């Protein structure tokens, strides 16, 4: 018969996906336990507990193998305030937060540092609103007119146009 025990993570083997756990009530350590993950084929998930994190373990009768099943919410580590039906939330130690709401199909990202996307091409369908500067290293192609401060790149007029090498006046709105 298998046994379910509550214990505290004492060692984390990140590259193996395994841990050791202390069972304080028995004053013993577990064998090395596999950390239970939601999936391990196709789409894979990886999230390891921290040392001193408390959680449930499923231990084989022999005591030589088992699983660290994970921790739960408690007074010190409560459910996040954004939690609700249809929400998937990941909160990182630096405060970075990812929330997907399946009810609205909205993905919310609050990243505390830079985001780096590496891929051959990005396609975005929909309007984009940017608050901040844009730096482009490379060319830019558009199939429509570009406007800056209300001045059309294609249809703007200039004043003081003169023949030869003279410089014309500024563009007009």
Protein backbone atom coordinates (compact mmCIF):
# COMPACT_ATOMS: atom_id res chain seq x y z
CA UNK A 1 0.00 0.00 0.00
CA UNK A 2 1.26 3.48 -0.83
CA UNK A 3 1.46 6.20 1.79
CA UNK A 4 0.75 9.93 1.54
CA UNK A 5 2.97 12.06 3.78
CA UNK A 6 3.44 15.78 4.40
CA UNK A 7 7.04 16.99 4.39
CA UNK A 8 9.55 19.76 3.69
CA UNK A 9 11.80 19.86 0.62
CA UNK A 10 15.45 19.57 1.71
CA UNK A 11 17.29 19.01 -1.60
CA UNK A 12 16.36 19.92 -5.19
CA UNK A 13 17.89 18.14 -8.18
CA UNK A 14 16.86 20.57 -10.94
CA UNK A 15 18.42 18.67 -13.85
CA UNK A 16 16.67 15.44 -12.81
CA UNK A 17 13.27 16.86 -11.82
CA UNK A 18 13.58 15.24 -8.41
CA UNK A 19 13.80 16.20 -4.72
CA UNK A 20 14.47 14.85 -1.25
CA UNK A 21 12.01 15.62 1.53
CA UNK A 22 12.27 15.70 5.33
CA UNK A 23 9.40 14.18 7.28
CA UNK A 24 9.64 16.12 10.54
CA UNK A 25 7.09 13.98 12.39
CA UNK A 26 9.28 10.88 11.84
CA UNK A 27 12.63 12.69 11.83
CA UNK A 28 13.66 10.92 8.59
CA UNK A 29 14.50 11.85 4.99
CA UNK A 30 12.80 10.45 1.94
CA UNK A 31 14.47 8.65 -0.90
CA UNK A 32 14.91 10.84 -3.98
CA UNK A 33 11.37 11.53 -5.22
CA UNK A 34 10.16 12.48 -8.71
CA UNK A 35 8.43 15.88 -8.79
CA UNK A 36 4.92 15.46 -10.18
CA UNK A 37 4.31 17.61 -13.28
CA UNK A 38 1.03 18.26 -15.06
CA UNK A 39 2.37 16.91 -18.36
CA UNK A 40 5.52 15.28 -19.70
CA UNK A 41 4.71 14.41 -23.34
CA UNK A 42 3.92 16.81 -26.16
CA UNK A 43 3.54 20.07 -24.25
CA UNK A 44 5.83 19.82 -21.24
CA UNK A 45 5.76 21.81 -18.05
CA UNK A 46 8.66 22.36 -15.65
CA UNK A 47 8.38 23.90 -12.22
CA UNK A 48 10.47 22.78 -9.29
CA UNK A 49 9.79 23.45 -5.61
CA UNK A 50 12.15 25.53 -3.47
CA UNK A 51 14.09 24.24 -0.48
CA UNK A 52 11.90 24.51 2.67
CA UNK A 53 8.69 24.36 0.62
CA UNK A 54 6.15 22.11 2.30
CA UNK A 55 4.08 19.66 0.30
CA UNK A 56 2.46 16.26 -0.08
CA UNK A 57 4.39 13.14 -1.07
CA UNK A 58 3.18 9.79 -2.35
CA UNK A 59 5.62 7.16 -1.08
CA UNK A 60 5.77 3.54 -2.30
CA UNK A 61 5.35 0.87 0.37
CA UNK A 62 9.03 -0.01 0.10
CA UNK A 63 9.96 3.62 0.84
CA UNK A 64 12.50 3.54 -1.99
CA UNK A 65 10.51 5.57 -4.52
CA UNK A 66 7.63 7.96 -4.86
CA UNK A 67 6.48 11.39 -5.95
CA UNK A 68 6.54 14.88 -4.51
CA UNK A 69 3.00 15.93 -5.44
CA UNK A 70 3.33 19.64 -4.67
CA UNK A 71 2.29 22.23 -2.17
CA UNK A 72 -0.99 23.97 -1.48
CA UNK A 73 -2.21 27.43 -0.56
CA UNK A 74 -2.08 28.46 3.09
CA UNK A 75 -2.03 31.56 5.31
CA UNK A 76 1.60 32.37 4.43
CA UNK A 77 1.10 31.62 0.70
CA UNK A 78 -2.53 32.48 -0.15
CA UNK A 79 -4.34 32.22 -3.47
CA UNK A 80 -3.50 35.20 -5.70
CA UNK A 81 -6.03 38.05 -5.68
CA UNK A 82 -6.62 37.72 -9.45
CA UNK A 83 -7.67 34.06 -9.13
CA UNK A 84 -11.04 33.02 -10.46
CA UNK A 85 -12.85 30.58 -12.69
CA UNK A 86 -11.11 30.13 -16.04
CA UNK A 87 -7.93 31.94 -15.00
CA UNK A 88 -4.43 30.52 -15.26
CA UNK A 89 -1.89 32.55 -13.30
CA UNK A 90 1.87 32.31 -12.92
CA UNK A 91 3.54 34.65 -10.44
CA UNK A 92 7.35 34.72 -10.31
CA UNK A 93 9.49 35.78 -7.31
CA UNK A 94 10.44 39.13 -8.94
CA UNK A 95 6.75 40.05 -9.31
CA UNK A 96 6.47 39.17 -13.01
CA UNK A 97 2.97 37.86 -13.63
CA UNK A 98 1.29 35.98 -16.49
CA UNK A 99 -2.49 35.67 -16.50
CA UNK A 100 -4.64 33.99 -19.13
CA UNK A 101 -8.39 34.38 -18.78
CA UNK A 102 -10.15 31.76 -20.87
CA UNK A 103 -13.47 33.60 -20.38
CA UNK A 104 -12.23 36.68 -22.28
CA UNK A 105 -9.33 35.06 -24.22
CA UNK A 106 -7.08 37.80 -22.82
CA UNK A 107 -3.41 37.21 -22.04
CA UNK A 108 -2.00 39.69 -19.53
CA UNK A 109 1.77 40.01 -19.03
CA UNK A 110 3.29 42.21 -16.33
CA UNK A 111 7.04 41.72 -16.80
CA UNK A 112 9.43 43.44 -14.39
CA UNK A 113 12.39 43.37 -16.81
CA UNK A 114 12.93 43.11 -20.58
CA UNK A 115 11.12 40.67 -22.85
CA UNK A 116 13.14 39.05 -25.62
CA UNK A 117 11.41 37.27 -28.49
CA UNK A 118 13.59 35.28 -30.88
CA UNK A 119 11.88 33.91 -33.97
CA UNK A 120 12.12 34.17 -37.77
CA UNK A 121 9.00 36.35 -38.12
CA UNK A 122 6.23 37.82 -35.98
CA UNK A 123 2.76 38.45 -37.41
CA UNK A 124 0.29 40.59 -35.48
CA UNK A 125 -3.31 41.07 -36.60
CA UNK A 126 -5.07 43.95 -34.89
CA UNK A 127 -4.35 47.47 -33.76
CA UNK A 128 -1.26 48.17 -31.68
CA UNK A 129 -0.93 50.98 -29.17
CA UNK A 130 2.58 51.78 -27.91
CA UNK A 131 3.47 54.16 -25.09
CA UNK A 132 7.19 54.72 -25.45
CA UNK A 133 9.91 54.96 -28.04
CA UNK A 134 10.50 52.53 -30.91
CA UNK A 135 14.00 51.68 -32.09
CA UNK A 136 14.27 49.94 -35.46
CA UNK A 137 17.52 48.39 -36.65
CA UNK A 138 16.76 47.66 -40.28
CA UNK A 139 14.29 48.74 -42.90
CA UNK A 140 10.59 49.31 -42.59
CA UNK A 141 7.97 48.55 -45.22
CA UNK A 142 4.36 49.67 -45.17
CA UNK A 143 1.51 49.26 -47.64
CA UNK A 144 -0.26 52.36 -46.33
CA UNK A 145 0.65 56.00 -45.68
CA UNK A 146 2.69 56.91 -42.60
CA UNK A 147 1.80 60.00 -40.56
CA UNK A 148 4.00 61.77 -38.02
CA UNK A 149 2.51 64.60 -35.93
CA UNK A 150 -0.38 64.74 -38.41
CA UNK A 151 1.86 65.10 -41.50
CA UNK A 152 1.37 62.51 -44.25
CA UNK A 153 4.53 60.99 -45.72
CA UNK A 154 2.79 60.47 -49.08
CA UNK A 155 0.50 63.51 -49.37
CA UNK A 156 2.31 66.29 -47.51
CA UNK A 157 2.97 69.62 -49.27
CA UNK A 158 6.07 71.72 -48.81
CA UNK A 159 6.57 75.47 -49.06
CA UNK A 160 9.25 77.39 -50.89
CA UNK A 161 9.91 74.75 -53.55
CA UNK A 162 12.70 76.00 -55.82
CA UNK A 163 14.47 74.53 -58.80
CA UNK A 164 17.98 73.18 -58.57
CA UNK A 165 19.88 72.37 -55.40
CA UNK A 166 17.86 74.66 -53.11
CA UNK A 167 16.22 73.29 -49.97
CA UNK A 168 12.44 73.48 -49.81
CA UNK A 169 10.45 74.62 -46.79
CA UNK A 170 8.98 72.38 -44.09
CA UNK A 171 6.10 69.98 -44.79
CA UNK A 172 2.59 71.34 -44.26
CA UNK A 173 -0.25 69.49 -42.57
